[in-house]
Amino acid sequence: MDGAKTLKDARRRLGLKQREMAEILGVGTRHVAGIEGGEYNLTKKLLGKLKTLLPAEVIAEKEDEVYLLNTYRNLSDTNKATLISVVKGLALTEDQASE
């Protein structure tokens, strides 16, 4: 995932200025500009914040991704853990198949 593109796209879809996005994320405007300009990386912490604070439609690029994100967010913690295990298993199967 390209952090610069993700952040810039999300900001533009919402019609926000860098200053406004910085306020949402709790960072300085310079930090947002640095991420968008490729000077800084979008950390997992900031990406998590972005995903939590913004609607799935802003982060996801495809309708299926929006559906999956919204469904996942509504699962119980136990079901989330089960789903993550299944997905990890599928990823391992895909990796083995490509070897």
Protein backbone atom coordinates (compact mmCIF):
# COMPACT_ATOMS: atom_id res chain seq x y z
CA MET A 1 0.00 0.00 0.00
CA ASP A 2 1.38 3.38 -0.99
CA GLY A 3 0.94 5.61 2.06
CA ALA A 4 1.34 8.86 0.15
CA LYS A 5 -1.35 7.91 -2.38
CA THR A 6 -3.65 6.51 0.32
CA LEU A 7 -3.49 9.64 2.43
CA LYS A 8 -3.75 12.07 -0.45
CA ASP A 9 -6.65 10.17 -2.05
CA ALA A 10 -8.53 9.99 1.26
CA ARG A 11 -7.98 13.68 1.90
CA ARG A 12 -9.14 14.65 -1.60
CA ARG A 13 -12.21 12.40 -1.48
CA LEU A 14 -13.23 14.20 1.69
CA GLY A 15 -12.44 17.61 0.25
CA LEU A 16 -10.02 18.40 3.09
CA LYS A 17 -6.96 20.59 3.16
CA GLN A 18 -3.73 19.18 4.55
CA ARG A 19 -4.25 21.24 7.69
CA GLU A 20 -7.68 19.70 8.23
CA MET A 21 -6.38 16.16 7.67
CA ALA A 22 -3.55 16.86 10.11
CA GLU A 23 -6.09 17.89 12.76
CA ILE A 24 -8.08 14.68 12.21
CA LEU A 25 -4.95 12.54 12.55
CA GLY A 26 -3.49 14.52 15.43
CA VAL A 27 -0.27 15.42 13.62
CA GLY A 28 1.19 18.61 12.17
CA THR A 29 0.42 19.90 8.72
CA ARG A 30 4.08 19.43 7.79
CA HIS A 31 3.79 15.73 8.66
CA VAL A 32 0.81 15.25 6.32
CA ALA A 33 2.64 17.14 3.57
CA GLY A 34 5.72 15.00 4.20
CA ILE A 35 3.75 11.76 3.90
CA GLU A 36 2.02 12.92 0.72
CA GLY A 37 5.35 14.07 -0.71
CA GLY A 38 7.07 10.77 0.10
CA GLU A 39 9.38 12.33 2.69
CA TYR A 40 7.77 10.37 5.56
CA ASN A 41 6.10 6.98 5.64
CA LEU A 42 2.49 6.48 6.65
CA THR A 43 2.96 4.50 9.87
CA LYS A 44 0.72 1.62 10.87
CA LYS A 45 -0.49 3.77 13.75
CA LEU A 46 -1.56 6.63 11.47
CA LEU A 47 -3.07 4.23 8.93
CA GLY A 48 -5.04 2.62 11.74
CA LYS A 49 -6.22 6.03 12.87
CA LEU A 50 -7.16 6.91 9.31
CA LYS A 51 -9.18 3.72 8.94
CA THR A 52 -10.88 4.22 12.30
CA LEU A 53 -11.78 7.87 11.84
CA LEU A 54 -12.81 7.86 8.21
CA PRO A 55 -15.61 5.94 6.48
CA ALA A 56 -14.59 2.72 4.73
CA GLU A 57 -15.64 4.28 1.44
CA VAL A 58 -12.80 6.78 1.75
CA ILE A 59 -10.10 4.17 2.34
CA ALA A 60 -11.32 1.37 0.10
CA GLU A 61 -11.15 1.68 -3.64
CA LYS A 62 -13.60 -1.06 -4.59
CA GLU A 63 -17.16 -1.78 -3.50
CA ASP A 64 -16.17 -5.26 -2.28
CA GLU A 65 -13.53 -3.73 -0.01
CA VAL A 66 -16.09 -1.37 1.50
CA TYR A 67 -18.43 -4.29 2.17
CA LEU A 68 -15.65 -6.36 3.74
CA LEU A 69 -14.43 -3.51 5.93
CA ASN A 70 -17.90 -2.66 7.18
CA THR A 71 -18.74 -6.30 7.82
CA TYR A 72 -15.46 -6.86 9.66
CA ARG A 73 -16.01 -3.82 11.87
CA ASN A 74 -19.37 -5.25 12.98
CA LEU A 75 -18.01 -8.67 13.97
CA SER A 76 -17.41 -9.67 17.57
CA ASP A 77 -13.78 -9.88 18.69
CA THR A 78 -13.98 -13.67 18.62
CA ASN A 79 -15.30 -13.71 15.06
CA LYS A 80 -12.66 -11.17 14.01
CA ALA A 81 -9.94 -13.47 15.37
CA THR A 82 -11.46 -16.46 13.56
CA LEU A 83 -11.67 -14.54 10.29
CA ILE A 84 -8.07 -13.38 10.58
CA SER A 85 -6.96 -16.99 11.11
CA VAL A 86 -8.87 -18.10 8.02
CA VAL A 87 -7.41 -15.30 5.90
CA LYS A 88 -3.89 -16.07 7.09
CA GLY A 89 -4.47 -19.71 6.18
CA LEU A 90 -5.65 -18.71 2.72
CA ALA A 91 -2.60 -16.49 2.26
CA LEU A 92 -0.29 -19.36 3.21
CA THR A 93 -2.08 -21.63 0.74
CA GLU A 94 -1.65 -19.00 -2.00
CA ASP A 95 2.05 -18.60 -1.16
CA GLN A 96 2.61 -22.35 -1.32
CA ALA A 97 0.75 -22.63 -4.62
CA SER A 98 2.95 -19.96 -6.19
CA GLU A 99 6.21 -21.69 -5.21
